[in-house]
Amino acid sequence: MFDDLRDLYQEVILDHGKSPRNFRRPEDATCLAHGNNPVCGDTLVVYITQDDSGKITDAAFQGQGCAISVASASMMTDIVKGKTVEKANRLFEGFHNMCTRDDFNVAELADCDEDAIDRLVMLSGVKEFPIRVKCATLAWHTMQAAVNGDQETSTE
């Protein structure tokens, strides 16, 4: 079973890394932030478009980085579309905890939709490679910075 999960993790990373979703600069973005991971050299810009109620109507990114960083940004932009900023921040918190805490229980995300949780669980396989956790979380830190009005963030 563990090998199946690892294979699925690798397949997802390769798919999103080679063919990232939402790799573009939207003209109508309402906020953006620049993210930097100096350890790996990943740099990206996350663009978020919100409606008047605070719902994320579009999410996109541009930049360059390792396959894990690009795949995570691709998945993040898909996952947060249609979510409120509050829910997007909640998903960031849950994903970060999945990747960094040994005692994380997926039940902590019971208030989130199952599809998002399933995709985050796949991506959290990066936990096996601690040096790569910053690669996987960069896009999420950058999304959070954008919606909170910060212009830049770093994984330092």
Protein backbone atom coordinates (compact mmCIF):
# COMPACT_ATOMS: atom_id res chain seq x y z
CA MET A 1 0.00 0.00 0.00
CA PHE A 2 2.81 2.42 0.86
CA ASP A 3 4.38 1.83 -2.56
CA ASP A 4 1.03 2.57 -4.24
CA LEU A 5 0.79 5.89 -2.40
CA ARG A 6 4.36 6.78 -3.34
CA ASP A 7 3.66 5.91 -6.99
CA LEU A 8 0.52 8.06 -6.97
CA TYR A 9 2.46 10.94 -5.37
CA GLN A 10 5.12 10.71 -8.09
CA GLU A 11 2.49 10.53 -10.83
CA VAL A 12 0.67 13.62 -9.52
CA ILE A 13 3.91 15.60 -9.16
CA LEU A 14 5.01 14.68 -12.68
CA ASP A 15 1.62 15.50 -14.20
CA HIS A 16 1.28 18.92 -12.57
CA GLY A 17 5.01 19.65 -12.87
CA LYS A 18 5.11 19.00 -16.62
CA SER A 19 1.68 20.45 -17.44
CA PRO A 20 0.88 23.01 -14.75
CA ARG A 21 -2.67 24.27 -14.54
CA ASN A 22 -3.34 28.00 -14.33
CA PHE A 23 0.18 28.99 -15.38
CA ARG A 24 -0.68 32.48 -16.60
CA ARG A 25 -1.07 36.11 -15.57
CA PRO A 26 -4.73 37.08 -15.31
CA GLU A 27 -5.53 40.65 -16.26
CA ASP A 28 -8.16 41.08 -13.55
CA ALA A 29 -6.25 39.83 -10.49
CA THR A 30 -7.23 41.73 -7.36
CA CYS A 31 -4.12 40.77 -5.40
CA LEU A 32 -0.76 39.15 -5.94
CA ALA A 33 2.37 38.22 -4.06
CA HIS A 34 5.90 37.18 -4.94
CA GLY A 35 7.29 34.04 -3.33
CA ASN A 36 10.88 32.91 -3.01
CA ASN A 37 12.52 29.71 -1.78
CA PRO A 38 16.24 30.51 -1.63
CA VAL A 39 17.15 26.92 -0.67
CA CYS A 40 15.95 25.50 -3.99
CA GLY A 41 15.84 28.65 -6.12
CA ASP A 42 12.08 28.54 -6.66
CA THR A 43 10.46 31.90 -7.44
CA LEU A 44 6.85 32.54 -8.30
CA VAL A 45 4.08 35.08 -8.40
CA VAL A 46 0.60 34.05 -7.30
CA TYR A 47 -2.36 35.98 -8.68
CA ILE A 48 -5.72 35.87 -6.93
CA THR A 49 -9.02 37.32 -8.16
CA GLN A 50 -11.75 37.80 -5.57
CA ASP A 51 -15.34 38.87 -5.95
CA ASP A 52 -17.05 41.41 -3.69
CA SER A 53 -17.98 38.73 -1.16
CA GLY A 54 -14.37 37.59 -0.74
CA LYS A 55 -14.72 34.40 -2.74
CA ILE A 56 -11.70 33.45 -4.86
CA THR A 57 -12.99 33.39 -8.43
CA ASP A 58 -9.62 32.79 -10.08
CA ALA A 59 -6.13 31.78 -9.06
CA ALA A 60 -3.05 31.57 -11.25
CA PHE A 61 0.71 31.68 -11.02
CA GLN A 62 3.88 32.32 -12.98
CA GLY A 63 7.47 31.57 -12.16
CA GLN A 64 10.03 28.86 -12.17
CA GLY A 65 11.03 26.15 -9.80
CA CYS A 66 11.54 22.50 -9.22
CA ALA A 67 8.84 19.98 -10.18
CA ILE A 68 7.48 19.88 -6.62
CA SER A 69 7.14 23.65 -6.39
CA VAL A 70 5.45 23.95 -9.79
CA ALA A 71 3.16 20.98 -9.10
CA SER A 72 2.14 22.40 -5.74
CA ALA A 73 1.38 25.81 -7.28
CA SER A 74 -0.67 24.14 -10.01
CA MET A 75 -2.66 22.11 -7.49
CA MET A 76 -3.09 25.07 -5.12
CA THR A 77 -4.59 27.25 -7.86
CA ASP A 78 -7.11 24.51 -8.69
CA ILE A 79 -7.97 23.82 -5.05
CA VAL A 80 -8.61 27.41 -3.89
CA LYS A 81 -10.86 28.45 -6.79
CA GLY A 82 -14.39 28.91 -5.54
CA LYS A 83 -13.29 29.00 -1.90
CA THR A 84 -13.56 31.92 0.48
CA VAL A 85 -10.31 33.46 1.65
CA GLU A 86 -11.04 32.01 5.08
CA LYS A 87 -11.37 28.49 3.62
CA ALA A 88 -8.25 28.93 1.47
CA ASN A 89 -6.29 29.97 4.56
CA ARG A 90 -7.71 26.96 6.41
CA LEU A 91 -6.55 24.64 3.61
CA PHE A 92 -3.09 26.25 3.72
CA GLU A 93 -2.90 25.64 7.46
CA GLY A 94 -4.02 22.03 7.06
CA PHE A 95 -1.59 21.34 4.23
CA HIS A 96 1.29 22.92 6.12
CA ASN A 97 0.48 20.80 9.16
CA MET A 98 0.27 17.65 7.01
CA CYS A 99 3.78 18.32 5.77
CA THR A 100 5.37 19.33 9.06
CA ARG A 101 3.63 17.63 11.97
CA ASP A 102 4.04 13.97 12.85
CA ASP A 103 0.85 14.04 14.90
CA PHE A 104 -1.36 15.52 12.16
CA ASN A 105 -4.75 13.85 11.81
CA VAL A 106 -6.69 14.45 8.60
CA ALA A 107 -9.83 14.74 10.75
CA GLU A 108 -8.54 18.24 11.60
CA LEU A 109 -9.74 19.19 8.11
CA ALA A 110 -13.23 17.73 8.52
CA ASP A 111 -14.71 21.13 7.66
CA CYS A 112 -13.07 21.10 4.20
CA ASP A 113 -14.28 19.41 1.04
CA GLU A 114 -13.15 15.83 0.49
CA ASP A 115 -11.67 16.40 -2.98
CA ALA A 116 -9.36 19.14 -1.70
CA ILE A 117 -8.30 16.97 1.23
CA ASP A 118 -7.56 14.01 -1.05
CA ARG A 119 -5.36 16.14 -3.30
CA LEU A 120 -3.55 17.66 -0.33
CA VAL A 121 -2.91 14.22 1.14
CA MET A 122 -1.32 13.13 -2.16
CA LEU A 123 0.89 16.21 -2.25
CA SER A 124 1.84 15.86 1.42
CA GLY A 125 3.88 12.79 0.46
CA VAL A 126 6.69 15.34 0.23
CA LYS A 127 6.95 14.96 4.01
CA GLU A 128 9.19 11.96 3.30
CA PHE A 129 11.76 14.44 1.96
CA PRO A 130 12.04 17.20 4.61
CA ILE A 131 14.33 19.37 2.49
CA ARG A 132 11.53 19.58 -0.12
CA VAL A 133 8.73 20.67 2.23
CA LYS A 134 9.57 24.33 1.54
CA CYS A 135 9.25 23.62 -2.19
CA ALA A 136 5.77 22.20 -1.67
CA THR A 137 4.56 24.94 0.66
CA LEU A 138 5.95 27.99 -1.19
CA ALA A 139 2.88 28.48 -3.40
CA TRP A 140 0.61 28.15 -0.38
CA HIS A 141 2.60 30.70 1.65
CA THR A 142 2.50 33.01 -1.37
CA MET A 143 -1.27 32.59 -1.85
CA GLN A 144 -1.78 33.41 1.82
CA ALA A 145 0.44 36.48 1.52
CA ALA A 146 -1.54 37.66 -1.53
CA VAL A 147 -4.97 37.38 0.09
CA ASN A 148 -3.69 38.97 3.30
CA GLY A 149 -2.29 42.00 1.44
CA ASP A 150 1.40 41.16 1.68
CA GLN A 151 3.43 41.63 -1.48
CA GLU A 152 6.25 39.19 -0.78
CA THR A 153 6.99 36.03 1.16
CA SER A 154 9.89 33.67 1.55
CA THR A 155 10.35 30.18 2.92
CA GLU A 156 13.45 31.30 4.86
